[in-house]
Amino acid sequence: VRVSPASMGGRTHIAFLLENLSAERVLFGGITIADAEQSRIVASLGNGGKTILDSIPIAPGEVLSVDGEAIWIEVDGLAKDLRPRGEIGATVTLGAVVIPISLTVDDGYKPMN
């Protein structure tokens, strides 16, 4: 997981790989950060265009590449600075399941979008 540094009130981007090791299709519904106003899944349409996705289905054995170029998570309205190597609490939504996680801010990650 890669989380870009950002200032309070600003925007961070999150990129990662998610592999579905189950025998069932799962629905990735996004990542949220408790200390932020909003979070969304964003996909590039090319030529500077982008769209917001509600969710992404992941088939059994499939790897979802939220690479920061074609698909990424944007989080706006941060309540505090996200400093390199700092930890932030977040949740991942997979279908009806919400999983708490801890993310580390990556000082080398510079969003392309």
N, C-alpha and C. Protein backbone atom coordinates (compact mmCIF):
# COMPACT_ATOMS: atom_id res chain seq x y z
N VAL A 1 0.85 -1.18 0.00
CA VAL A 1 0.00 0.00 0.00
C VAL A 1 0.89 1.23 0.00
N ARG A 2 0.52 2.19 -0.84
CA ARG A 2 1.26 3.45 -0.90
C ARG A 2 0.29 4.60 -0.64
N VAL A 3 0.61 5.43 0.34
CA VAL A 3 -0.19 6.59 0.70
C VAL A 3 0.69 7.82 0.53
N SER A 4 0.22 8.80 -0.24
CA SER A 4 1.04 10.00 -0.46
C SER A 4 0.95 10.94 0.73
N PRO A 5 2.06 11.62 1.04
CA PRO A 5 2.03 12.66 2.07
C PRO A 5 1.07 13.78 1.64
N ALA A 6 0.47 14.46 2.61
CA ALA A 6 -0.45 15.55 2.29
C ALA A 6 -0.59 16.45 3.51
N SER A 7 -1.00 17.69 3.26
CA SER A 7 -1.22 18.66 4.33
C SER A 7 -2.66 18.61 4.80
N MET A 8 -2.87 19.06 6.03
CA MET A 8 -4.21 19.15 6.59
C MET A 8 -5.12 19.91 5.62
N GLY A 9 -6.32 19.39 5.41
CA GLY A 9 -7.26 20.01 4.48
C GLY A 9 -7.04 19.62 3.03
N GLY A 10 -5.92 18.95 2.76
CA GLY A 10 -5.57 18.59 1.39
C GLY A 10 -6.07 17.23 0.96
N ARG A 11 -5.42 16.70 -0.07
CA ARG A 11 -5.80 15.43 -0.68
C ARG A 11 -4.63 14.46 -0.66
N THR A 12 -4.92 13.22 -0.34
CA THR A 12 -3.94 12.15 -0.45
C THR A 12 -4.44 11.13 -1.45
N HIS A 13 -3.52 10.39 -2.04
CA HIS A 13 -3.84 9.30 -2.94
C HIS A 13 -3.34 8.00 -2.31
N ILE A 14 -4.11 6.93 -2.52
CA ILE A 14 -3.73 5.61 -2.02
C ILE A 14 -3.68 4.66 -3.20
N ALA A 15 -2.60 3.89 -3.29
CA ALA A 15 -2.43 2.88 -4.34
C ALA A 15 -2.06 1.56 -3.66
N PHE A 16 -2.46 0.43 -4.26
CA PHE A 16 -2.21 -0.88 -3.65
C PHE A 16 -2.56 -1.99 -4.62
N LEU A 17 -2.24 -3.22 -4.24
CA LEU A 17 -2.69 -4.43 -4.92
C LEU A 17 -3.59 -5.19 -3.97
N LEU A 18 -4.69 -5.74 -4.50
CA LEU A 18 -5.62 -6.52 -3.68
C LEU A 18 -5.89 -7.83 -4.42
N GLU A 19 -5.53 -8.96 -3.80
CA GLU A 19 -5.73 -10.27 -4.41
C GLU A 19 -6.90 -10.97 -3.73
N ASN A 20 -7.82 -11.48 -4.54
CA ASN A 20 -8.95 -12.25 -4.02
C ASN A 20 -8.55 -13.72 -3.94
N LEU A 21 -8.24 -14.18 -2.74
CA LEU A 21 -7.84 -15.57 -2.54
C LEU A 21 -9.03 -16.47 -2.20
N SER A 22 -10.24 -15.91 -2.20
CA SER A 22 -11.42 -16.70 -1.87
C SER A 22 -11.95 -17.43 -3.12
N ALA A 23 -12.93 -18.27 -2.93
CA ALA A 23 -13.58 -18.98 -4.03
C ALA A 23 -14.77 -18.19 -4.57
N GLU A 24 -15.06 -17.05 -3.98
CA GLU A 24 -16.21 -16.22 -4.36
C GLU A 24 -15.75 -14.87 -4.91
N ARG A 25 -16.60 -14.29 -5.74
CA ARG A 25 -16.35 -12.92 -6.21
C ARG A 25 -16.57 -11.99 -5.03
N VAL A 26 -15.69 -10.98 -4.88
CA VAL A 26 -15.86 -9.97 -3.84
C VAL A 26 -16.02 -8.61 -4.51
N LEU A 27 -16.62 -7.70 -3.79
CA LEU A 27 -16.86 -6.36 -4.30
C LEU A 27 -16.04 -5.38 -3.47
N PHE A 28 -15.03 -4.78 -4.07
CA PHE A 28 -14.22 -3.77 -3.39
C PHE A 28 -14.97 -2.46 -3.41
N GLY A 29 -15.29 -1.94 -2.22
CA GLY A 29 -16.07 -0.71 -2.12
C GLY A 29 -15.28 0.51 -1.71
N GLY A 30 -13.96 0.36 -1.57
CA GLY A 30 -13.13 1.52 -1.28
C GLY A 30 -12.39 1.46 0.04
N ILE A 31 -11.62 2.51 0.28
CA ILE A 31 -10.87 2.70 1.53
C ILE A 31 -11.26 4.06 2.07
N THR A 32 -11.59 4.12 3.34
CA THR A 32 -11.89 5.41 3.96
C THR A 32 -10.91 5.67 5.10
N ILE A 33 -10.65 6.93 5.34
CA ILE A 33 -9.81 7.37 6.44
C ILE A 33 -10.71 8.13 7.40
N ALA A 34 -10.67 7.76 8.67
CA ALA A 34 -11.56 8.35 9.67
C ALA A 34 -11.43 9.87 9.74
N ASP A 35 -10.23 10.39 9.64
CA ASP A 35 -9.99 11.82 9.78
C ASP A 35 -9.98 12.54 8.43
N ALA A 36 -10.98 12.24 7.59
CA ALA A 36 -11.08 12.89 6.28
C ALA A 36 -12.55 13.09 5.93
N GLU A 37 -12.82 14.07 5.09
CA GLU A 37 -14.20 14.38 4.71
C GLU A 37 -14.78 13.36 3.74
N GLN A 38 -14.00 12.95 2.72
CA GLN A 38 -14.53 12.01 1.74
C GLN A 38 -13.43 11.17 1.11
N SER A 39 -13.84 10.02 0.61
CA SER A 39 -12.94 9.09 -0.06
C SER A 39 -13.67 8.51 -1.26
N ARG A 40 -12.96 8.29 -2.36
CA ARG A 40 -13.61 7.75 -3.55
C ARG A 40 -12.62 6.93 -4.38
N ILE A 41 -13.18 5.98 -5.13
CA ILE A 41 -12.40 5.21 -6.10
C ILE A 41 -12.44 6.00 -7.40
N VAL A 42 -11.27 6.28 -7.96
CA VAL A 42 -11.18 7.08 -9.18
C VAL A 42 -10.50 6.26 -10.27
N ALA A 43 -11.03 6.34 -11.49
CA ALA A 43 -10.44 5.66 -12.64
C ALA A 43 -10.13 6.67 -13.73
N SER A 44 -8.98 6.51 -14.35
CA SER A 44 -8.59 7.38 -15.45
C SER A 44 -9.32 6.96 -16.72
N LEU A 45 -9.80 7.95 -17.48
CA LEU A 45 -10.44 7.71 -18.77
C LEU A 45 -9.48 8.06 -19.91
N GLY A 46 -8.26 8.47 -19.58
CA GLY A 46 -7.30 8.90 -20.58
C GLY A 46 -7.48 10.37 -20.91
N ASN A 47 -6.47 10.98 -21.48
CA ASN A 47 -6.50 12.39 -21.88
C ASN A 47 -6.95 13.32 -20.76
N GLY A 48 -6.58 12.98 -19.52
CA GLY A 48 -6.89 13.84 -18.38
C GLY A 48 -8.27 13.66 -17.79
N GLY A 49 -9.11 12.84 -18.42
CA GLY A 49 -10.45 12.59 -17.91
C GLY A 49 -10.43 11.53 -16.82
N LYS A 50 -11.39 11.60 -15.92
CA LYS A 50 -11.50 10.59 -14.88
C LYS A 50 -12.96 10.42 -14.49
N THR A 51 -13.24 9.30 -13.84
CA THR A 51 -14.59 9.00 -13.38
C THR A 51 -14.52 8.40 -11.98
N ILE A 52 -15.63 8.49 -11.26
CA ILE A 52 -15.73 7.93 -9.91
C ILE A 52 -16.46 6.59 -10.02
N LEU A 53 -15.92 5.57 -9.36
CA LEU A 53 -16.53 4.24 -9.34
C LEU A 53 -17.13 3.97 -7.96
N ASP A 54 -18.32 3.36 -7.93
CA ASP A 54 -18.94 2.99 -6.66
C ASP A 54 -18.24 1.78 -6.04
N SER A 55 -17.84 0.83 -6.89
CA SER A 55 -17.19 -0.39 -6.42
C SER A 55 -16.52 -1.08 -7.61
N ILE A 56 -15.72 -2.09 -7.31
CA ILE A 56 -15.04 -2.87 -8.34
C ILE A 56 -15.17 -4.35 -7.99
N PRO A 57 -15.76 -5.17 -8.87
CA PRO A 57 -15.83 -6.61 -8.59
C PRO A 57 -14.47 -7.26 -8.82
N ILE A 58 -14.14 -8.22 -7.96
CA ILE A 58 -12.87 -8.94 -8.07
C ILE A 58 -13.19 -10.43 -8.09
N ALA A 59 -12.89 -11.10 -9.18
CA ALA A 59 -13.17 -12.53 -9.34
C ALA A 59 -12.21 -13.36 -8.49
N PRO A 60 -12.58 -14.61 -8.18
CA PRO A 60 -11.67 -15.49 -7.44
C PRO A 60 -10.32 -15.60 -8.16
N GLY A 61 -9.24 -15.44 -7.42
CA GLY A 61 -7.90 -15.53 -7.99
C GLY A 61 -7.41 -14.28 -8.69
N GLU A 62 -8.27 -13.29 -8.88
CA GLU A 62 -7.90 -12.06 -9.57
C GLU A 62 -7.15 -11.12 -8.63
N VAL A 63 -6.23 -10.33 -9.22
CA VAL A 63 -5.52 -9.29 -8.49
C VAL A 63 -5.99 -7.94 -9.03
N LEU A 64 -6.51 -7.12 -8.14
CA LEU A 64 -6.92 -5.77 -8.50
C LEU A 64 -5.72 -4.85 -8.28
N SER A 65 -5.28 -4.20 -9.36
CA SER A 65 -4.16 -3.28 -9.27
C SER A 65 -4.69 -1.85 -9.23
N VAL A 66 -4.72 -1.30 -8.03
CA VAL A 66 -5.07 0.10 -7.85
C VAL A 66 -3.73 0.82 -7.83
N ASP A 67 -3.21 1.06 -9.05
CA ASP A 67 -1.81 1.43 -9.26
C ASP A 67 -1.49 2.91 -9.16
N GLY A 68 -2.49 3.76 -9.02
CA GLY A 68 -2.24 5.19 -8.95
C GLY A 68 -2.18 5.85 -10.32
N GLU A 69 -2.24 5.06 -11.39
CA GLU A 69 -2.24 5.60 -12.74
C GLU A 69 -3.59 5.39 -13.42
N ALA A 70 -4.06 4.14 -13.45
CA ALA A 70 -5.35 3.82 -14.07
C ALA A 70 -6.48 3.90 -13.05
N ILE A 71 -6.21 3.44 -11.83
CA ILE A 71 -7.20 3.46 -10.74
C ILE A 71 -6.47 3.86 -9.46
N TRP A 72 -7.13 4.65 -8.62
CA TRP A 72 -6.55 5.05 -7.35
C TRP A 72 -7.67 5.45 -6.40
N ILE A 73 -7.31 5.63 -5.14
CA ILE A 73 -8.23 6.14 -4.13
C ILE A 73 -7.81 7.58 -3.84
N GLU A 74 -8.77 8.51 -3.91
CA GLU A 74 -8.54 9.90 -3.52
C GLU A 74 -9.25 10.14 -2.20
N VAL A 75 -8.54 10.78 -1.28
CA VAL A 75 -9.12 11.12 0.01
C VAL A 75 -8.92 12.62 0.21
N ASP A 76 -10.04 13.34 0.43
CA ASP A 76 -10.01 14.80 0.57
C ASP A 76 -10.40 15.24 1.97
N GLY A 77 -10.03 16.48 2.28
CA GLY A 77 -10.45 17.09 3.54
C GLY A 77 -9.80 16.46 4.75
N LEU A 78 -8.50 16.27 4.69
CA LEU A 78 -7.78 15.64 5.79
C LEU A 78 -7.79 16.52 7.05
N ALA A 79 -8.06 15.91 8.19
CA ALA A 79 -8.13 16.64 9.46
C ALA A 79 -6.74 16.90 10.05
N LYS A 80 -5.71 16.26 9.50
CA LYS A 80 -4.35 16.47 9.99
C LYS A 80 -3.36 16.20 8.86
N ASP A 81 -2.13 16.66 9.03
CA ASP A 81 -1.08 16.39 8.06
C ASP A 81 -0.78 14.90 8.01
N LEU A 82 -0.49 14.40 6.81
CA LEU A 82 -0.01 13.03 6.65
C LEU A 82 1.48 13.12 6.35
N ARG A 83 2.26 12.90 7.36
CA ARG A 83 3.72 13.04 7.24
C ARG A 83 4.35 11.69 6.89
N PRO A 84 5.47 11.73 6.13
CA PRO A 84 6.15 10.49 5.77
C PRO A 84 6.41 9.60 6.98
N ARG A 85 6.15 8.33 6.81
CA ARG A 85 6.33 7.27 7.81
C ARG A 85 5.32 7.36 8.95
N GLY A 86 4.38 8.30 8.87
CA GLY A 86 3.32 8.39 9.88
C GLY A 86 2.26 7.32 9.63
N GLU A 87 1.53 6.97 10.66
CA GLU A 87 0.47 5.95 10.58
C GLU A 87 -0.90 6.63 10.58
N ILE A 88 -1.82 6.07 9.79
CA ILE A 88 -3.20 6.55 9.78
C ILE A 88 -4.15 5.35 9.86
N GLY A 89 -5.25 5.54 10.55
CA GLY A 89 -6.27 4.50 10.62
C GLY A 89 -7.19 4.60 9.42
N ALA A 90 -7.57 3.45 8.89
CA ALA A 90 -8.45 3.42 7.72
C ALA A 90 -9.33 2.18 7.79
N THR A 91 -10.29 2.10 6.88
CA THR A 91 -11.10 0.90 6.74
C THR A 91 -11.19 0.54 5.26
N VAL A 92 -11.21 -0.76 4.98
CA VAL A 92 -11.39 -1.29 3.63
C VAL A 92 -12.78 -1.91 3.59
N THR A 93 -13.55 -1.61 2.56
CA THR A 93 -14.88 -2.19 2.40
C THR A 93 -14.84 -3.25 1.31
N LEU A 94 -15.20 -4.48 1.68
CA LEU A 94 -15.31 -5.60 0.75
C LEU A 94 -16.73 -6.15 0.88
N GLY A 95 -17.59 -5.79 -0.04
CA GLY A 95 -18.99 -6.18 0.06
C GLY A 95 -19.60 -5.54 1.30
N ALA A 96 -20.19 -6.36 2.17
CA ALA A 96 -20.80 -5.87 3.41
C ALA A 96 -19.82 -5.84 4.57
N VAL A 97 -18.59 -6.27 4.33
CA VAL A 97 -17.58 -6.37 5.39
C VAL A 97 -16.70 -5.12 5.39
N VAL A 98 -16.50 -4.54 6.57
CA VAL A 98 -15.62 -3.39 6.74
C VAL A 98 -14.46 -3.82 7.64
N ILE A 99 -13.24 -3.70 7.11
CA ILE A 99 -12.04 -4.19 7.80
C ILE A 99 -11.17 -3.02 8.22
N PRO A 100 -10.90 -2.86 9.53
CA PRO A 100 -9.99 -1.79 9.96
C PRO A 100 -8.55 -2.14 9.63
N ILE A 101 -7.80 -1.15 9.17
CA ILE A 101 -6.38 -1.34 8.86
C ILE A 101 -5.60 -0.11 9.30
N SER A 102 -4.30 -0.25 9.34
CA SER A 102 -3.40 0.87 9.61
C SER A 102 -2.51 1.04 8.38
N LEU A 103 -2.38 2.27 7.91
CA LEU A 103 -1.57 2.56 6.73
C LEU A 103 -0.39 3.45 7.11
N THR A 104 0.72 3.24 6.44
CA THR A 104 1.91 4.07 6.65
C THR A 104 2.08 5.00 5.45
N VAL A 105 2.29 6.27 5.71
CA VAL A 105 2.49 7.26 4.65
C VAL A 105 3.87 7.03 4.03
N ASP A 106 3.90 6.98 2.71
CA ASP A 106 5.12 6.67 1.94
C ASP A 106 5.72 7.97 1.42
N ASP A 107 6.90 8.35 1.94
CA ASP A 107 7.51 9.61 1.52
C ASP A 107 7.97 9.61 0.07
N GLY A 108 8.08 8.44 -0.55
CA GLY A 108 8.51 8.37 -1.94
C GLY A 108 7.37 8.32 -2.95
N TYR A 109 6.11 8.29 -2.47
CA TYR A 109 4.97 8.17 -3.39
C TYR A 109 4.45 9.54 -3.78
N LYS A 110 4.57 9.83 -5.06
CA LYS A 110 4.07 11.08 -5.62
C LYS A 110 2.98 10.73 -6.62
N PRO A 111 1.72 11.06 -6.36
CA PRO A 111 0.62 10.72 -7.26
C PRO A 111 0.83 11.30 -8.65
N MET A 112 0.46 10.54 -9.66
CA MET A 112 0.58 10.98 -11.05
C MET A 112 -0.65 11.76 -11.48
N ASN A 113 -1.77 11.58 -10.77
CA ASN A 113 -3.04 12.20 -11.17
C ASN A 113 -3.48 13.22 -10.16
